[in-house]
PDB file of all heavy atoms in Angstrom:
ATOM      1  N   VAL A   1       0.853  -1.216  -0.006  1.00  0.00           N
ATOM      2  CA  VAL A   1      -0.042  -0.026   0.007  1.00  0.00           C
ATOM      3  C   VAL A   1       0.886   1.204  -0.013  1.00  0.00           C
ATOM      4  O   VAL A   1       1.821   1.361   0.842  1.00  0.00           O
ATOM      5  CB  VAL A   1      -0.920  -0.009   1.232  1.00  0.00           C
ATOM      6  CG1 VAL A   1      -1.584   1.358   1.367  1.00  0.00           C
ATOM      7  CG2 VAL A   1      -2.029  -1.075   1.133  1.00  0.00           C
ATOM      8  N   ILE A   2       0.533   2.148  -0.893  1.00  0.00           N
ATOM      9  CA  ILE A   2       1.348   3.424  -1.015  1.00  0.00           C
ATOM     10  C   ILE A   2       0.459   4.575  -1.011  1.00  0.00           C
ATOM     11  O   ILE A   2      -0.506   4.666  -1.791  1.00  0.00           O
ATOM     12  CB  ILE A   2       2.115   3.490  -2.442  1.00  0.00           C
ATOM     13  CG1 ILE A   2       2.988   2.131  -2.596  1.00  0.00           C
ATOM     14  CG2 ILE A   2       2.945   4.669  -2.526  1.00  0.00           C
ATOM     15  CD1 ILE A   2       3.528   2.019  -3.976  1.00  0.00           C
ATOM     16  N   ALA A   3       0.748   5.552  -0.109  1.00  0.00           N
ATOM     17  CA  ALA A   3      -0.008   6.781  -0.032  1.00  0.00           C
ATOM     18  C   ALA A   3       0.894   7.833  -0.781  1.00  0.00           C
ATOM     19  O   ALA A   3       2.111   7.869  -0.515  1.00  0.00           O
ATOM     20  CB  ALA A   3      -0.214   7.260   1.360  1.00  0.00           C
ATOM     21  N   THR A   4       0.382   8.633  -1.738  1.00  0.00           N
ATOM     22  CA  THR A   4       1.136   9.517  -2.457  1.00  0.00           C
ATOM     23  C   THR A   4       0.406  10.849  -2.669  1.00  0.00           C
ATOM     24  O   THR A   4      -0.787  10.980  -2.569  1.00  0.00           O
ATOM     25  CB  THR A   4       1.418   8.847  -3.890  1.00  0.00           C
ATOM     26  OG1 THR A   4       2.362   9.694  -4.621  1.00  0.00           O
ATOM     27  CG2 THR A   4       0.139   8.765  -4.675  1.00  0.00           C
ATOM     28  N   ARG A   5       1.254  11.873  -3.058  1.00  0.00           N
ATOM     29  CA  ARG A   5       0.716  13.228  -3.328  1.00  0.00           C
ATOM     30  C   ARG A   5       1.730  13.955  -4.129  1.00  0.00           C
ATOM     31  O   ARG A   5       2.849  14.259  -3.691  1.00  0.00           O
ATOM     32  CB  ARG A   5       0.284  13.995  -2.041  1.00  0.00           C
ATOM     33  CG  ARG A   5      -0.067  15.361  -2.374  1.00  0.00           C
ATOM     34  CD  ARG A   5      -0.661  16.001  -0.987  1.00  0.00           C
ATOM     35  NE  ARG A   5      -0.709  17.507  -1.165  1.00  0.00           N
ATOM     36  CZ  ARG A   5      -1.842  18.136  -1.633  1.00  0.00           C
ATOM     37  NH1 ARG A   5      -2.919  17.311  -2.068  1.00  0.00           N
ATOM     38  NH2 ARG A   5      -1.972  19.350  -1.808  1.00  0.00           N
ATOM     39  N   ASN A   6       1.347  14.209  -5.386  1.00  0.00           N
ATOM     40  CA  ASN A   6       2.185  15.093  -6.359  1.00  0.00           C
ATOM     41  C   ASN A   6       3.615  14.644  -6.464  1.00  0.00           C
ATOM     42  O   ASN A   6       4.516  15.424  -6.558  1.00  0.00           O
ATOM     43  CB  ASN A   6       2.165  16.508  -5.815  1.00  0.00           C
ATOM     44  CG  ASN A   6       0.768  17.182  -5.898  1.00  0.00           C
ATOM     45  OD1 ASN A   6      -0.043  16.784  -6.769  1.00  0.00           O
ATOM     46  ND2 ASN A   6       0.529  18.161  -4.986  1.00  0.00           N
ATOM     47  N   ARG A   7       3.845  13.341  -6.661  1.00  0.00           N
ATOM     48  CA  ARG A   7       5.169  12.763  -6.856  1.00  0.00           C
ATOM     49  C   ARG A   7       5.151  11.702  -7.914  1.00  0.00           C
ATOM     50  O   ARG A   7       5.542  10.592  -7.719  1.00  0.00           O
ATOM     51  CB  ARG A   7       5.813  12.269  -5.574  1.00  0.00           C
ATOM     52  CG  ARG A   7       6.036  13.319  -4.535  1.00  0.00           C
ATOM     53  CD  ARG A   7       6.789  12.608  -3.336  1.00  0.00           C
ATOM     54  NE  ARG A   7       7.146  13.554  -2.271  1.00  0.00           N
ATOM     55  CZ  ARG A   7       7.690  13.158  -1.131  1.00  0.00           C
ATOM     56  NH1 ARG A   7       7.845  11.951  -0.836  1.00  0.00           N
ATOM     57  NH2 ARG A   7       7.984  14.130  -0.236  1.00  0.00           N
ATOM     58  N   VAL A   8       4.487  11.977  -9.068  1.00  0.00           N
ATOM     59  CA  VAL A   8       4.188  10.984  -9.890  1.00  0.00           C
ATOM     60  C   VAL A   8       5.495  10.318 -10.518  1.00  0.00           C
ATOM     61  O   VAL A   8       5.559   9.087 -10.839  1.00  0.00           O
ATOM     62  CB  VAL A   8       3.277  11.431 -11.121  1.00  0.00           C
ATOM     63  CG1 VAL A   8       3.953  12.460 -11.973  1.00  0.00           C
ATOM     64  CG2 VAL A   8       2.757  10.269 -11.924  1.00  0.00           C
ATOM     65  N   ASP A   9       6.514  11.048 -10.790  1.00  0.00           N
ATOM     66  CA  ASP A   9       7.721  10.524 -11.310  1.00  0.00           C
ATOM     67  C   ASP A   9       8.413   9.562 -10.311  1.00  0.00           C
ATOM     68  O   ASP A   9       8.828   8.431 -10.725  1.00  0.00           O
ATOM     69  CB  ASP A   9       8.725  11.618 -11.722  1.00  0.00           C
ATOM     70  CG  ASP A   9       8.234  12.412 -12.918  1.00  0.00           C
ATOM     71  OD1 ASP A   9       7.528  11.886 -13.714  1.00  0.00           O
ATOM     72  OD2 ASP A   9       8.595  13.616 -12.980  1.00  0.00           O
ATOM     73  N   GLU A  10       8.509   9.881  -9.033  1.00  0.00           N
ATOM     74  CA  GLU A  10       9.075   9.041  -8.021  1.00  0.00           C
ATOM     75  C   GLU A  10       8.159   7.802  -7.911  1.00  0.00           C
ATOM     76  O   GLU A  10       8.664   6.721  -7.833  1.00  0.00           O
ATOM     77  CB  GLU A  10       9.199   9.670  -6.722  1.00  0.00           C
ATOM     78  CG  GLU A  10      10.344  10.777  -6.628  1.00  0.00           C
ATOM     79  CD  GLU A  10       9.970  12.137  -7.046  1.00  0.00           C
ATOM     80  OE1 GLU A  10       8.884  12.265  -7.642  1.00  0.00           O
ATOM     81  OE2 GLU A  10      10.665  13.073  -6.691  1.00  0.00           O
ATOM     82  N   LEU A  11       6.828   8.059  -7.876  1.00  0.00           N
ATOM     83  CA  LEU A  11       5.908   6.859  -7.777  1.00  0.00           C
ATOM     84  C   LEU A  11       6.102   5.965  -8.983  1.00  0.00           C
ATOM     85  O   LEU A  11       6.041   4.679  -8.728  1.00  0.00           O
ATOM     86  CB  LEU A  11       4.474   7.433  -7.748  1.00  0.00           C
ATOM     87  CG  LEU A  11       3.402   6.372  -7.636  1.00  0.00           C
ATOM     88  CD1 LEU A  11       3.546   5.517  -6.425  1.00  0.00           C
ATOM     89  CD2 LEU A  11       2.093   7.032  -7.648  1.00  0.00           C
ATOM     90  N   THR A  12       6.318   6.378 -10.149  1.00  0.00           N
ATOM     91  CA  THR A  12       6.564   5.595 -11.310  1.00  0.00           C
ATOM     92  C   THR A  12       7.772   4.675 -11.077  1.00  0.00           C
ATOM     93  O   THR A  12       7.778   3.492 -11.382  1.00  0.00           O
ATOM     94  CB  THR A  12       6.747   6.416 -12.521  1.00  0.00           C
ATOM     95  OG1 THR A  12       5.449   7.087 -12.879  1.00  0.00           O
ATOM     96  CG2 THR A  12       7.054   5.539 -13.785  1.00  0.00           C
ATOM     97  N   ARG A  13       8.841   5.339 -10.516  1.00  0.00           N
ATOM     98  CA  ARG A  13      10.063   4.559 -10.319  1.00  0.00           C
ATOM     99  C   ARG A  13       9.800   3.376  -9.298  1.00  0.00           C
ATOM    100  O   ARG A  13      10.203   2.236  -9.401  1.00  0.00           O
ATOM    101  CB  ARG A  13      11.149   5.445  -9.750  1.00  0.00           C
ATOM    102  CG  ARG A  13      12.485   4.696  -9.389  1.00  0.00           C
ATOM    103  CD  ARG A  13      13.493   5.721  -8.893  1.00  0.00           C
ATOM    104  NE  ARG A  13      13.045   6.358  -7.618  1.00  0.00           N
ATOM    105  CZ  ARG A  13      13.542   7.496  -7.083  1.00  0.00           C
ATOM    106  NH1 ARG A  13      14.598   8.023  -7.695  1.00  0.00           N
ATOM    107  NH2 ARG A  13      13.038   7.967  -6.011  1.00  0.00           N
ATOM    108  N   THR A  14       9.036   3.767  -8.229  1.00  0.00           N
ATOM    109  CA  THR A  14       8.721   2.818  -7.157  1.00  0.00           C
ATOM    110  C   THR A  14       7.936   1.668  -7.725  1.00  0.00           C
ATOM    111  O   THR A  14       8.231   0.423  -7.443  1.00  0.00           O
ATOM    112  CB  THR A  14       7.963   3.499  -6.009  1.00  0.00           C
ATOM    113  OG1 THR A  14       8.820   4.382  -5.263  1.00  0.00           O
ATOM    114  CG2 THR A  14       7.365   2.521  -5.083  1.00  0.00           C
ATOM    115  N   ILE A  15       6.891   1.874  -8.486  1.00  0.00           N
ATOM    116  CA  ILE A  15       6.116   0.871  -9.078  1.00  0.00           C
ATOM    117  C   ILE A  15       6.840  -0.061 -10.023  1.00  0.00           C
ATOM    118  O   ILE A  15       6.726  -1.264  -9.968  1.00  0.00           O
ATOM    119  CB  ILE A  15       4.787   1.439  -9.826  1.00  0.00           C
ATOM    120  CG1 ILE A  15       3.970   2.245  -8.937  1.00  0.00           C
ATOM    121  CG2 ILE A  15       4.022   0.363 -10.518  1.00  0.00           C
ATOM    122  CD1 ILE A  15       3.327   1.411  -7.776  1.00  0.00           C
ATOM    123  N   THR A  16       7.803   0.557 -10.717  1.00  0.00           N
ATOM    124  CA  THR A  16       8.690  -0.209 -11.568  1.00  0.00           C
ATOM    125  C   THR A  16       9.521  -1.162 -10.759  1.00  0.00           C
ATOM    126  O   THR A  16       9.770  -2.365 -11.180  1.00  0.00           O
ATOM    127  CB  THR A  16       9.601   0.707 -12.458  1.00  0.00           C
ATOM    128  OG1 THR A  16       8.810   1.629 -13.282  1.00  0.00           O
ATOM    129  CG2 THR A  16      10.504  -0.102 -13.323  1.00  0.00           C
ATOM    130  N   HIS A  17      10.064  -0.771  -9.639  1.00  0.00           N
ATOM    131  CA  HIS A  17      10.706  -1.605  -8.711  1.00  0.00           C
ATOM    132  C   HIS A  17       9.955  -2.778  -8.124  1.00  0.00           C
ATOM    133  O   HIS A  17      10.418  -3.883  -7.917  1.00  0.00           O
ATOM    134  CB  HIS A  17      11.451  -0.811  -7.641  1.00  0.00           C
ATOM    135  CG  HIS A  17      12.795  -0.111  -7.876  1.00  0.00           C
ATOM    136  ND1 HIS A  17      13.857  -0.766  -8.326  1.00  0.00           N
ATOM    137  CD2 HIS A  17      12.956   1.190  -8.167  1.00  0.00           C
ATOM    138  CE1 HIS A  17      14.875   0.063  -8.589  1.00  0.00           C
ATOM    139  NE2 HIS A  17      14.275   1.329  -8.559  1.00  0.00           N
ATOM    140  N   LEU A  18       8.648  -2.399  -7.862  1.00  0.00           N
ATOM    141  CA  LEU A  18       7.767  -3.411  -7.173  1.00  0.00           C
ATOM    142  C   LEU A  18       7.270  -4.443  -8.139  1.00  0.00           C
ATOM    143  O   LEU A  18       6.863  -5.469  -7.792  1.00  0.00           O
ATOM    144  CB  LEU A  18       6.622  -2.648  -6.472  1.00  0.00           C
ATOM    145  CG  LEU A  18       6.964  -1.704  -5.240  1.00  0.00           C
ATOM    146  CD1 LEU A  18       5.723  -1.073  -4.791  1.00  0.00           C
ATOM    147  CD2 LEU A  18       7.554  -2.670  -4.115  1.00  0.00           C
ATOM    148  N   GLN A  19       7.166  -4.048  -9.409  1.00  0.00           N
ATOM    149  CA  GLN A  19       6.442  -4.905 -10.331  1.00  0.00           C
ATOM    150  C   GLN A  19       6.939  -6.402 -10.356  1.00  0.00           C
ATOM    151  O   GLN A  19       6.267  -7.365 -10.435  1.00  0.00           O
ATOM    152  CB  GLN A  19       6.536  -4.377 -11.807  1.00  0.00           C
ATOM    153  CG  GLN A  19       5.600  -5.012 -12.798  1.00  0.00           C
ATOM    154  CD  GLN A  19       5.335  -4.184 -13.983  1.00  0.00           C
ATOM    155  OE1 GLN A  19       5.860  -3.038 -14.180  1.00  0.00           O
ATOM    156  NE2 GLN A  19       4.470  -4.619 -14.869  1.00  0.00           N
ATOM    157  N   PRO A  20       8.376  -6.569 -10.355  1.00  0.00           N
ATOM    158  CA  PRO A  20       8.805  -7.930 -10.496  1.00  0.00           C
ATOM    159  C   PRO A  20       8.497  -8.827  -9.319  1.00  0.00           C
ATOM    160  O   PRO A  20       8.518  -9.950  -9.311  1.00  0.00           O
ATOM    161  CB  PRO A  20      10.449  -7.659 -10.511  1.00  0.00           C
ATOM    162  CG  PRO A  20      10.654  -6.295 -11.065  1.00  0.00           C
ATOM    163  CD  PRO A  20       9.389  -5.490 -10.462  1.00  0.00           C
ATOM    164  N   LEU A  21       8.086  -8.105  -8.185  1.00  0.00           N
ATOM    165  CA  LEU A  21       7.810  -8.890  -6.980  1.00  0.00           C
ATOM    166  C   LEU A  21       6.438  -9.720  -7.128  1.00  0.00           C
ATOM    167  O   LEU A  21       6.121 -10.601  -6.401  1.00  0.00           O
ATOM    168  CB  LEU A  21       7.597  -8.023  -5.738  1.00  0.00           C
ATOM    169  CG  LEU A  21       8.780  -7.111  -5.418  1.00  0.00           C
ATOM    170  CD1 LEU A  21       8.526  -6.393  -4.075  1.00  0.00           C
ATOM    171  CD2 LEU A  21      10.013  -8.079  -5.283  1.00  0.00           C
ATOM    172  N   ARG A  22       5.646  -9.266  -8.091  1.00  0.00           N
ATOM    173  CA  ARG A  22       4.341  -9.921  -8.366  1.00  0.00           C
ATOM    174  C   ARG A  22       3.358  -9.915  -7.169  1.00  0.00           C
ATOM    175  O   ARG A  22       2.940 -11.030  -6.840  1.00  0.00           O
ATOM    176  CB  ARG A  22       4.570 -11.351  -9.009  1.00  0.00           C
ATOM    177  CG  ARG A  22       5.306 -11.263 -10.320  1.00  0.00           C
ATOM    178  CD  ARG A  22       5.466 -12.727 -10.946  1.00  0.00           C
ATOM    179  NE  ARG A  22       6.100 -12.641 -12.186  1.00  0.00           N
ATOM    180  CZ  ARG A  22       5.606 -12.440 -13.395  1.00  0.00           C
ATOM    181  NH1 ARG A  22       4.273 -12.177 -13.385  1.00  0.00           N
ATOM    182  NH2 ARG A  22       6.300 -12.469 -14.480  1.00  0.00           N
ATOM    183  N   VAL A  23       3.276  -8.835  -6.581  1.00  0.00           N
ATOM    184  CA  VAL A  23       2.301  -8.725  -5.443  1.00  0.00           C
ATOM    185  C   VAL A  23       1.267  -7.707  -5.757  1.00  0.00           C
ATOM    186  O   VAL A  23       1.557  -6.814  -6.540  1.00  0.00           O
ATOM    187  CB  VAL A  23       3.123  -8.328  -4.148  1.00  0.00           C
ATOM    188  CG1 VAL A  23       4.080  -9.494  -3.707  1.00  0.00           C
ATOM    189  CG2 VAL A  23       3.827  -7.088  -4.224  1.00  0.00           C
ATOM    190  N   PRO A  24       0.154  -7.773  -5.129  1.00  0.00           N
ATOM    191  CA  PRO A  24      -0.795  -6.755  -5.357  1.00  0.00           C
ATOM    192  C   PRO A  24      -0.369  -5.351  -4.825  1.00  0.00           C
ATOM    193  O   PRO A  24       0.357  -5.322  -3.753  1.00  0.00           O
ATOM    194  CB  PRO A  24      -2.082  -7.125  -4.528  1.00  0.00           C
ATOM    195  CG  PRO A  24      -1.827  -8.644  -4.210  1.00  0.00           C
ATOM    196  CD  PRO A  24      -0.360  -8.769  -4.183  1.00  0.00           C
ATOM    197  N   VAL A  25      -0.639  -4.318  -5.565  1.00  0.00           N
ATOM    198  CA  VAL A  25      -0.253  -3.010  -5.103  1.00  0.00           C
ATOM    199  C   VAL A  25      -1.471  -1.995  -5.084  1.00  0.00           C
ATOM    200  O   VAL A  25      -2.164  -2.100  -6.163  1.00  0.00           O
ATOM    201  CB  VAL A  25       0.844  -2.350  -6.036  1.00  0.00           C
ATOM    202  CG1 VAL A  25       1.254  -0.908  -5.632  1.00  0.00           C
ATOM    203  CG2 VAL A  25       2.132  -3.184  -6.025  1.00  0.00           C
ATOM    204  N   ILE A  26      -1.643  -1.296  -4.070  1.00  0.00           N
ATOM    205  CA  ILE A  26      -2.772  -0.292  -4.049  1.00  0.00           C
ATOM    206  C   ILE A  26      -2.133   0.988  -3.807  1.00  0.00           C
ATOM    207  O   ILE A  26      -1.369   1.251  -2.808  1.00  0.00           O
ATOM    208  CB  ILE A  26      -3.671  -0.622  -2.894  1.00  0.00           C
ATOM    209  CG1 ILE A  26      -4.426  -2.027  -3.086  1.00  0.00           C
ATOM    210  CG2 ILE A  26      -4.743   0.321  -2.748  1.00  0.00           C
ATOM    211  CD1 ILE A  26      -5.186  -2.497  -1.937  1.00  0.00           C
ATOM    212  N   VAL A  27      -2.387   1.965  -4.636  1.00  0.00           N
ATOM    213  CA  VAL A  27      -1.979   3.316  -4.617  1.00  0.00           C
ATOM    214  C   VAL A  27      -3.065   4.249  -4.095  1.00  0.00           C
ATOM    215  O   VAL A  27      -4.152   4.265  -4.691  1.00  0.00           O
ATOM    216  CB  VAL A  27      -1.325   3.826  -5.886  1.00  0.00           C
ATOM    217  CG1 VAL A  27      -1.141   5.451  -5.790  1.00  0.00           C
ATOM    218  CG2 VAL A  27      -0.107   3.145  -6.257  1.00  0.00           C
ATOM    219  N   VAL A  28      -2.966   4.953  -2.975  1.00  0.00           N
ATOM    220  CA  VAL A  28      -3.977   5.783  -2.463  1.00  0.00           C
ATOM    221  C   VAL A  28      -3.501   7.242  -2.659  1.00  0.00           C
ATOM    222  O   VAL A  28      -2.567   7.693  -2.098  1.00  0.00           O
ATOM    223  CB  VAL A  28      -4.271   5.625  -1.008  1.00  0.00           C
ATOM    224  CG1 VAL A  28      -5.415   6.435  -0.554  1.00  0.00           C
ATOM    225  CG2 VAL A  28      -4.648   4.071  -0.778  1.00  0.00           C
ATOM    226  N   ASP A  29      -4.196   7.968  -3.547  1.00  0.00           N
ATOM    227  CA  ASP A  29      -3.744   9.353  -3.860  1.00  0.00           C
ATOM    228  C   ASP A  29      -4.348  10.319  -2.993  1.00  0.00           C
ATOM    229  O   ASP A  29      -5.595  10.488  -2.842  1.00  0.00           O
ATOM    230  CB  ASP A  29      -4.190   9.592  -5.354  1.00  0.00           C
ATOM    231  CG  ASP A  29      -3.592  11.094  -5.731  1.00  0.00           C
ATOM    232  OD1 ASP A  29      -2.342  11.176  -5.916  1.00  0.00           O
ATOM    233  OD2 ASP A  29      -4.460  11.975  -5.870  1.00  0.00           O
ATOM    234  N   ASN A  30      -3.548  11.094  -2.385  1.00  0.00           N
ATOM    235  CA  ASN A  30      -3.901  12.149  -1.266  1.00  0.00           C
ATOM    236  C   ASN A  30      -4.185  13.505  -2.040  1.00  0.00           C
ATOM    237  O   ASN A  30      -3.578  14.523  -1.715  1.00  0.00           O
ATOM    238  CB  ASN A  30      -2.850  12.268  -0.263  1.00  0.00           C
ATOM    239  CG  ASN A  30      -3.141  11.590   1.044  1.00  0.00           C
ATOM    240  OD1 ASN A  30      -4.295  11.519   1.420  1.00  0.00           O
ATOM    241  ND2 ASN A  30      -2.133  11.304   1.804  1.00  0.00           N
ATOM    242  N   GLY A  31      -5.096  13.525  -2.899  1.00  0.00           N
ATOM    243  CA  GLY A  31      -5.549  14.795  -3.626  1.00  0.00           C
ATOM    244  C   GLY A  31      -4.459  15.400  -4.394  1.00  0.00           C
ATOM    245  O   GLY A  31      -4.365  16.692  -4.388  1.00  0.00           O
ATOM    246  N   SER A  32      -3.755  14.639  -5.170  1.00  0.00           N
ATOM    247  CA  SER A  32      -2.695  15.212  -6.084  1.00  0.00           C
ATOM    248  C   SER A  32      -3.245  16.239  -7.047  1.00  0.00           C
ATOM    249  O   SER A  32      -4.363  16.041  -7.531  1.00  0.00           O
ATOM    250  CB  SER A  32      -1.899  14.220  -6.794  1.00  0.00           C
ATOM    251  OG  SER A  32      -1.138  13.392  -5.888  1.00  0.00           O
ATOM    252  N   SER A  33      -2.513  17.246  -7.317  1.00  0.00           N
ATOM    253  CA  SER A  33      -2.906  18.197  -8.360  1.00  0.00           C
ATOM    254  C   SER A  33      -2.163  18.027  -9.590  1.00  0.00           C
ATOM    255  O   SER A  33      -2.360  18.707 -10.648  1.00  0.00           O
ATOM    256  CB  SER A  33      -2.658  19.764  -7.829  1.00  0.00           C
ATOM    257  OG  SER A  33      -1.251  19.850  -7.452  1.00  0.00           O
ATOM    258  N   ASP A  34      -1.240  16.987  -9.660  1.00  0.00           N
ATOM    259  CA  ASP A  34      -0.544  16.618 -10.971  1.00  0.00           C
ATOM    260  C   ASP A  34      -1.389  15.594 -11.557  1.00  0.00           C
ATOM    261  O   ASP A  34      -2.517  15.322 -11.245  1.00  0.00           O
ATOM    262  CB  ASP A  34       0.870  16.273 -10.658  1.00  0.00           C
ATOM    263  CG  ASP A  34       1.039  14.980  -9.812  1.00  0.00           C
ATOM    264  OD1 ASP A  34       0.050  14.399  -9.486  1.00  0.00           O
ATOM    265  OD2 ASP A  34       2.136  14.773  -9.363  1.00  0.00           O
ATOM    266  N   ASP A  35      -0.808  14.786 -12.510  1.00  0.00           N
ATOM    267  CA  ASP A  35      -1.561  13.743 -13.228  1.00  0.00           C
ATOM    268  C   ASP A  35      -1.266  12.348 -12.637  1.00  0.00           C
ATOM    269  O   ASP A  35      -1.222  11.346 -13.405  1.00  0.00           O
ATOM    270  CB  ASP A  35      -1.271  13.797 -14.714  1.00  0.00           C
ATOM    271  CG  ASP A  35       0.198  13.653 -15.023  1.00  0.00           C
ATOM    272  OD1 ASP A  35       1.114  13.685 -14.162  1.00  0.00           O
ATOM    273  OD2 ASP A  35       0.502  13.418 -16.337  1.00  0.00           O
ATOM    274  N   THR A  36      -1.020  12.203 -11.394  1.00  0.00           N
ATOM    275  CA  THR A  36      -0.774  10.970 -10.725  1.00  0.00           C
ATOM    276  C   THR A  36      -1.764   9.910 -11.048  1.00  0.00           C
ATOM    277  O   THR A  36      -1.447   8.805 -11.509  1.00  0.00           O
ATOM    278  CB  THR A  36      -0.599  11.107  -9.243  1.00  0.00           C
ATOM    279  OG1 THR A  36       0.575  11.919  -8.951  1.00  0.00           O
ATOM    280  CG2 THR A  36      -0.440   9.794  -8.513  1.00  0.00           C
ATOM    281  N   VAL A  37      -3.034  10.240 -10.818  1.00  0.00           N
ATOM    282  CA  VAL A  37      -4.048   9.174 -10.990  1.00  0.00           C
ATOM    283  C   VAL A  37      -4.166   8.741 -12.422  1.00  0.00           C
ATOM    284  O   VAL A  37      -4.222   7.504 -12.734  1.00  0.00           O
ATOM    285  CB  VAL A  37      -5.423   9.741 -10.490  1.00  0.00           C
ATOM    286  CG1 VAL A  37      -6.663   8.733 -10.773  1.00  0.00           C
ATOM    287  CG2 VAL A  37      -5.371  10.024  -8.980  1.00  0.00           C
ATOM    288  N   ARG A  38      -4.189   9.697 -13.354  1.00  0.00           N
ATOM    289  CA  ARG A  38      -4.281   9.339 -14.747  1.00  0.00           C
ATOM    290  C   ARG A  38      -3.082   8.510 -15.264  1.00  0.00           C
ATOM    291  O   ARG A  38      -3.303   7.496 -15.899  1.00  0.00           O
ATOM    292  CB  ARG A  38      -4.322  10.640 -15.613  1.00  0.00           C
ATOM    293  CG  ARG A  38      -4.464  10.406 -17.097  1.00  0.00           C
ATOM    294  CD  ARG A  38      -4.292  11.521 -17.988  1.00  0.00           C
ATOM    295  NE  ARG A  38      -2.908  12.060 -17.861  1.00  0.00           N
ATOM    296  CZ  ARG A  38      -1.940  11.506 -18.698  1.00  0.00           C
ATOM    297  NH1 ARG A  38      -2.120  10.544 -19.422  1.00  0.00           N
ATOM    298  NH2 ARG A  38      -0.697  11.960 -18.489  1.00  0.00           N
ATOM    299  N   ARG A  39      -1.891   8.952 -14.849  1.00  0.00           N
ATOM    300  CA  ARG A  39      -0.719   8.131 -15.249  1.00  0.00           C
ATOM    301  C   ARG A  39      -0.673   6.677 -14.631  1.00  0.00           C
ATOM    302  O   ARG A  39      -0.296   5.718 -15.330  1.00  0.00           O
ATOM    303  CB  ARG A  39       0.474   8.955 -14.942  1.00  0.00           C
ATOM    304  CG  ARG A  39       0.758  10.014 -15.995  1.00  0.00           C
ATOM    305  CD  ARG A  39       2.045  10.796 -15.695  1.00  0.00           C
ATOM    306  NE  ARG A  39       3.204   9.970 -15.579  1.00  0.00           N
ATOM    307  CZ  ARG A  39       4.411  10.465 -15.398  1.00  0.00           C
ATOM    308  NH1 ARG A  39       4.645  11.763 -15.205  1.00  0.00           N
ATOM    309  NH2 ARG A  39       5.536   9.690 -15.354  1.00  0.00           N
ATOM    310  N   MET A  40      -1.076   6.630 -13.472  1.00  0.00           N
ATOM    311  CA  MET A  40      -1.051   5.319 -12.815  1.00  0.00           C
ATOM    312  C   MET A  40      -2.043   4.353 -13.452  1.00  0.00           C
ATOM    313  O   MET A  40      -1.779   3.198 -13.787  1.00  0.00           O
ATOM    314  CB  MET A  40      -1.436   5.381 -11.261  1.00  0.00           C
ATOM    315  CG  MET A  40      -0.308   5.849 -10.462  1.00  0.00           C
ATOM    316  SD  MET A  40       1.063   4.723 -10.391  1.00  0.00           S
ATOM    317  CE  MET A  40       2.268   5.776 -11.339  1.00  0.00           C
ATOM    318  N   ARG A  41      -3.294   4.879 -13.788  1.00  0.00           N
ATOM    319  CA  ARG A  41      -4.207   4.023 -14.393  1.00  0.00           C
ATOM    320  C   ARG A  41      -3.921   3.730 -15.878  1.00  0.00           C
ATOM    321  O   ARG A  41      -4.209   2.583 -16.363  1.00  0.00           O
ATOM    322  CB  ARG A  41      -5.592   4.690 -14.382  1.00  0.00           C
ATOM    323  CG  ARG A  41      -6.211   4.731 -12.896  1.00  0.00           C
ATOM    324  CD  ARG A  41      -7.406   5.529 -12.708  1.00  0.00           C
ATOM    325  NE  ARG A  41      -7.935   5.453 -11.318  1.00  0.00           N
ATOM    326  CZ  ARG A  41      -8.845   6.261 -10.846  1.00  0.00           C
ATOM    327  NH1 ARG A  41      -9.483   7.171 -11.641  1.00  0.00           N
ATOM    328  NH2 ARG A  41      -9.272   6.093  -9.575  1.00  0.00           N
ATOM    329  N   LYS A  42      -3.168   4.612 -16.445  1.00  0.00           N
ATOM    330  CA  LYS A  42      -2.803   4.317 -17.869  1.00  0.00           C
ATOM    331  C   LYS A  42      -1.527   3.485 -17.973  1.00  0.00           C
ATOM    332  O   LYS A  42      -1.582   2.480 -18.755  1.00  0.00           O
ATOM    333  CB  LYS A  42      -2.483   5.724 -18.566  1.00  0.00           C
ATOM    334  CG  LYS A  42      -1.962   5.602 -20.036  1.00  0.00           C
ATOM    335  CD  LYS A  42      -1.735   6.953 -20.656  1.00  0.00           C
ATOM    336  CE  LYS A  42      -1.167   6.805 -22.074  1.00  0.00           C
ATOM    337  NZ  LYS A  42       0.168   6.326 -22.061  1.00  0.00           N
ATOM    338  N   ASP A  43      -0.554   3.716 -17.223  1.00  0.00           N
ATOM    339  CA  ASP A  43       0.763   3.104 -17.315  1.00  0.00           C
ATOM    340  C   ASP A  43       0.829   1.755 -16.512  1.00  0.00           C
ATOM    341  O   ASP A  43       1.554   0.900 -16.855  1.00  0.00           O
ATOM    342  CB  ASP A  43       1.869   4.023 -16.934  1.00  0.00           C
ATOM    343  CG  ASP A  43       2.059   5.176 -17.878  1.00  0.00           C
ATOM    344  OD1 ASP A  43       1.527   5.153 -18.961  1.00  0.00           O
ATOM    345  OD2 ASP A  43       2.653   6.122 -17.398  1.00  0.00           O
TER     346      ASP A  43
END
């Protein structure tokens, strides 16, 4: 579980590191004003 806010580039790096672990990941966005939610759902 990851709580995030306005750090989409760092979050992307983190998800990339977690992906090989093959575990469920839940990102909870704390009202970001950048495009965190859109990019997570797209990428």
